[in-house]
Structures are given as structure tokens and as C-alpha cells.
Amino acid sequence: TNPVAFSNFEAKLTKRPDFDHHFTLLFAGRLSPEKNISFLIKGFAELRKKYGPKIQLRIAGDGELRGALRRLCEKLKVEKSVQFLGHLDQAK
């Protein structure tokens, strides 16, 4: 089973994202190899090239790859647009 209670989240996306305004992507999960978060960060870097600073990525979770993922963000020059939130309780 999935430990995240999706019933706590409500999606209200009724149209395509408008990148004239700020847009935030969120990953929530354990920072481990099987999650392939490096793929997400690389894709995010491509989006940043296209849409600029109005798009942000937040990564909620912790794990063995945290340091490596931070270094990847630095290598791809997106470290100022990616926020590592650490472990968050579901109640938050």
C-alpha cells in the first residue's frame, strides 16, 4: 500500500498550466535509487531552460541520495530553483 493518504490532497487543475505565472512541481517520497529522482531533476532542468525562473521544483522526503541529488542540481545549474524540504509528516 502507499503510505501517502491521497485523500488529503485535492487537485484543482482545470486548464493547462499558465507559465506566465509561477508554477511549482512537487515530488514526495524516499530519496532512493528506485525512485529515479535524477530523471525528474534532469527533466526539470530542461523545463527551466524553456520557461525560466517561473518554474520551481520542491522535493519532500529524505534518503541516501539527498547529497547526490543536490550535487546534480548544482551541476545542472538549477540549485536555486530546487528546494529540498526534507522529511515531512503527513499531517503537514
Protein backbone atom coordinates (compact mmCIF):
# COMPACT_ATOMS: atom_id res chain seq x y z
CA THR A 1 0.00 0.00 0.00
CA ASN A 2 1.03 3.60 -0.47
CA PRO A 3 1.81 5.43 2.80
CA VAL A 4 0.60 8.76 1.39
CA ALA A 5 -3.07 9.47 2.02
CA PHE A 6 -4.04 10.93 -1.34
CA SER A 7 -7.42 11.88 0.09
CA ASN A 8 -5.56 14.73 1.87
CA PHE A 9 -4.84 16.36 -1.49
CA GLU A 10 -7.30 17.91 -3.90
CA ALA A 11 -6.31 18.72 -7.47
CA LYS A 12 -7.89 21.84 -8.90
CA LEU A 13 -6.15 21.96 -12.28
CA THR A 14 -8.89 22.89 -14.73
CA LYS A 15 -6.74 24.04 -17.64
CA ARG A 16 -3.19 23.82 -18.91
CA PRO A 17 -0.61 25.44 -16.62
CA ASP A 18 -0.03 29.09 -17.40
CA PHE A 19 3.72 29.62 -17.24
CA ASP A 20 3.20 33.37 -17.23
CA HIS A 21 2.65 32.77 -13.52
CA HIS A 22 4.76 30.79 -11.09
CA PHE A 23 4.39 27.03 -11.28
CA THR A 24 5.66 24.52 -8.72
CA LEU A 25 6.31 20.82 -9.24
CA LEU A 26 6.38 18.58 -6.17
CA PHE A 27 7.96 15.21 -5.54
CA ALA A 28 7.12 13.46 -2.27
CA GLY A 29 8.85 10.23 -1.40
CA ARG A 30 12.00 8.50 -0.26
CA LEU A 31 15.20 9.67 -1.97
CA SER A 32 16.43 6.27 -3.10
CA PRO A 33 17.69 4.81 -6.41
CA GLU A 34 14.46 3.02 -7.39
CA LYS A 35 12.56 6.35 -7.38
CA ASN A 36 14.80 7.69 -10.21
CA ILE A 37 14.62 11.26 -8.95
CA SER A 38 17.67 12.17 -11.04
CA PHE A 39 15.43 11.68 -14.09
CA LEU A 40 12.94 14.15 -12.61
CA ILE A 41 15.69 16.70 -11.92
CA LYS A 42 17.13 16.37 -15.43
CA GLY A 43 13.66 16.86 -16.92
CA PHE A 44 13.10 19.82 -14.63
CA ALA A 45 16.37 21.38 -15.86
CA GLU A 46 15.02 21.17 -19.42
CA LEU A 47 11.78 22.85 -18.35
CA ARG A 48 13.82 25.63 -16.69
CA LYS A 49 15.63 26.26 -19.96
CA LYS A 50 12.30 26.65 -21.72
CA TYR A 51 10.25 28.50 -19.08
CA GLY A 52 12.86 30.27 -16.95
CA PRO A 53 12.67 31.09 -13.25
CA LYS A 54 8.89 30.92 -13.01
CA ILE A 55 9.01 27.16 -12.57
CA GLN A 56 10.18 25.59 -9.32
CA LEU A 57 10.70 22.05 -8.00
CA ARG A 58 10.18 21.03 -4.39
CA ILE A 59 11.37 17.67 -3.15
CA ALA A 60 9.80 16.41 0.07
CA GLY A 61 11.49 13.40 1.59
CA ASP A 62 14.85 12.17 2.72
CA GLY A 63 17.14 9.29 1.95
CA GLU A 64 20.51 8.04 0.86
CA LEU A 65 20.60 10.07 -2.39
CA ARG A 66 19.99 13.51 -0.90
CA GLY A 67 23.62 14.66 -1.26
CA ALA A 68 24.00 13.23 -4.77
CA LEU A 69 20.74 14.87 -5.89
CA ARG A 70 21.87 18.24 -4.51
CA ARG A 71 25.14 17.89 -6.43
CA LEU A 72 23.19 17.02 -9.60
CA CYS A 73 21.16 20.22 -9.16
CA GLU A 74 24.38 22.21 -8.86
CA LYS A 75 25.86 20.51 -11.94
CA LEU A 76 22.72 21.34 -13.95
CA LYS A 77 22.66 24.91 -12.56
CA VAL A 78 19.16 24.56 -11.08
CA GLU A 79 20.09 24.53 -7.38
CA LYS A 80 18.35 27.89 -6.79
CA SER A 81 15.11 26.52 -8.26
CA VAL A 82 15.04 23.20 -6.42
CA GLN A 83 14.10 23.18 -2.76
CA PHE A 84 14.83 20.09 -0.66
CA LEU A 85 12.21 20.08 2.10
CA GLY A 86 13.44 17.02 3.98
CA HIS A 87 11.09 14.61 5.72
CA LEU A 88 7.58 15.97 6.26
CA ASP A 89 4.90 14.41 8.41
CA GLN A 90 1.68 13.62 6.55
CA ALA A 91 -0.18 15.85 8.98
CA LYS A 92 1.58 18.87 7.48
